[in-house]
C-alpha atoms as a PDB file:
ATOM      1  CA  MET A   1     -38.922-134.259-108.774  1.00  0.00           C
ATOM      2  CA  ILE A   2     -41.937-132.826-110.595  1.00  0.00           C
ATOM      3  CA  ILE A   3     -42.672-136.177-112.228  1.00  0.00           C
ATOM      4  CA  THR A   4     -42.583-137.920-108.843  1.00  0.00           C
ATOM      5  CA  THR A   5     -45.007-135.380-107.398  1.00  0.00           C
ATOM      6  CA  LEU A   6     -47.386-135.808-110.331  1.00  0.00           C
ATOM      7  CA  ILE A   7     -47.258-139.594-110.067  1.00  0.00           C
ATOM      8  CA  ASN A   8     -47.940-139.456-106.323  1.00  0.00           C
ATOM      9  CA  ARG A   9     -50.896-137.116-106.831  1.00  0.00           C
ATOM     10  CA  LEU A  10     -52.302-139.367-109.536  1.00  0.00           C
ATOM     11  CA  LYS A  11     -51.972-142.400-107.263  1.00  0.00           C
ATOM     12  CA  ALA A  12     -53.715-140.538-104.434  1.00  0.00           C
ATOM     13  CA  TYR A  13     -56.536-139.502-106.772  1.00  0.00           C
ATOM     14  CA  LEU A  14     -56.984-143.083-107.983  1.00  0.00           C
ATOM     15  CA  ARG A  15     -57.099-144.319-104.353  1.00  0.00           C
ATOM     16  CA  TYR A  16     -59.704-141.637-103.626  1.00  0.00           C
ATOM     17  CA  ARG A  17     -61.880-142.692-106.595  1.00  0.00           C
ATOM     18  CA  ARG A  18     -61.658-146.391-105.659  1.00  0.00           C
ATOM     19  CA  ASN A  19     -62.689-145.598-102.087  1.00  0.00           C
ATOM     20  CA  VAL A  20     -65.594-143.407-103.187  1.00  0.00           C
ATOM     21  CA  GLU A  21     -66.821-146.144-105.525  1.00  0.00           C
ATOM     22  CA  ALA A  22     -66.508-148.854-102.870  1.00  0.00           C
ATOM     23  CA  LEU A  23     -68.197-146.820-100.141  1.00  0.00           C
ATOM     24  CA  SER A  24     -70.946-145.672-102.490  1.00  0.00           C
ATOM     25  CA  ARG A  25     -71.886-149.294-103.164  1.00  0.00           C
ATOM     26  CA  LEU A  26     -72.627-149.896 -99.467  1.00  0.00           C
ATOM     27  CA  THR A  27     -76.126-149.519 -98.082  1.00  0.00           C
ATOM     28  CA  ASP A  28     -76.923-146.843 -95.509  1.00  0.00           C
ATOM     29  CA  ARG A  29     -77.057-149.598 -92.881  1.00  0.00           C
ATOM     30  CA  GLU A  30     -73.604-150.911 -93.803  1.00  0.00           C
ATOM     31  CA  LEU A  31     -72.180-147.389 -93.745  1.00  0.00           C
ATOM     32  CA  SER A  32     -73.744-146.821 -90.349  1.00  0.00           C
ATOM     33  CA  ASP A  33     -72.169-150.035 -89.065  1.00  0.00           C
ATOM     34  CA  ILE A  34     -68.709-148.667 -89.878  1.00  0.00           C
ATOM     35  CA  GLY A  35     -69.539-145.211 -88.531  1.00  0.00           C
ATOM     36  CA  ILE A  36     -69.873-143.296 -91.794  1.00  0.00           C
ATOM     37  CA  ALA A  37     -72.859-141.304 -93.042  1.00  0.00           C
ATOM     38  CA  ARG A  38     -73.465-141.186 -96.790  1.00  0.00           C
ATOM     39  CA  TRP A  39     -72.686-137.458 -96.884  1.00  0.00           C
ATOM     40  CA  GLU A  40     -69.236-138.175 -95.380  1.00  0.00           C
ATOM     41  CA  ILE A  41     -68.058-140.504 -98.152  1.00  0.00           C
ATOM     42  CA  ASP A  42     -66.057-137.857-100.033  1.00  0.00           C
ATOM     43  CA  ASP A  43     -64.323-136.629 -96.874  1.00  0.00           C
ATOM     44  CA  VAL A  44     -63.485-140.128 -95.660  1.00  0.00           C
ATOM     45  CA  ALA A  45     -62.196-141.193 -99.070  1.00  0.00           C
ATOM     46  CA  ARG A  46     -60.076-138.045 -99.352  1.00  0.00           C
ATOM     47  CA  ASP A  47     -58.563-138.550 -95.874  1.00  0.00           C
ATOM     48  CA  VAL A  48     -57.740-142.185 -96.591  1.00  0.00           C
ATOM     49  CA  ALA A  49     -56.190-141.355 -99.969  1.00  0.00           C
ATOM     50  CA  ARG A  50     -53.872-138.812 -98.356  1.00  0.00           C
ATOM     51  CA  ALA A  51     -52.629-141.298 -95.767  1.00  0.00           C
END
């Protein structure tokens, strides 16, 4: 049970990092086109990783 929880948290963290990296590569214009401001990247990536 504990191992499963740790694995799931690690997977969520890795999803979060991938999303932050991908969104950070976009220009401000591209982010605006998808409705995200640069300061929202962490929050958006965290929400997506939890889903």
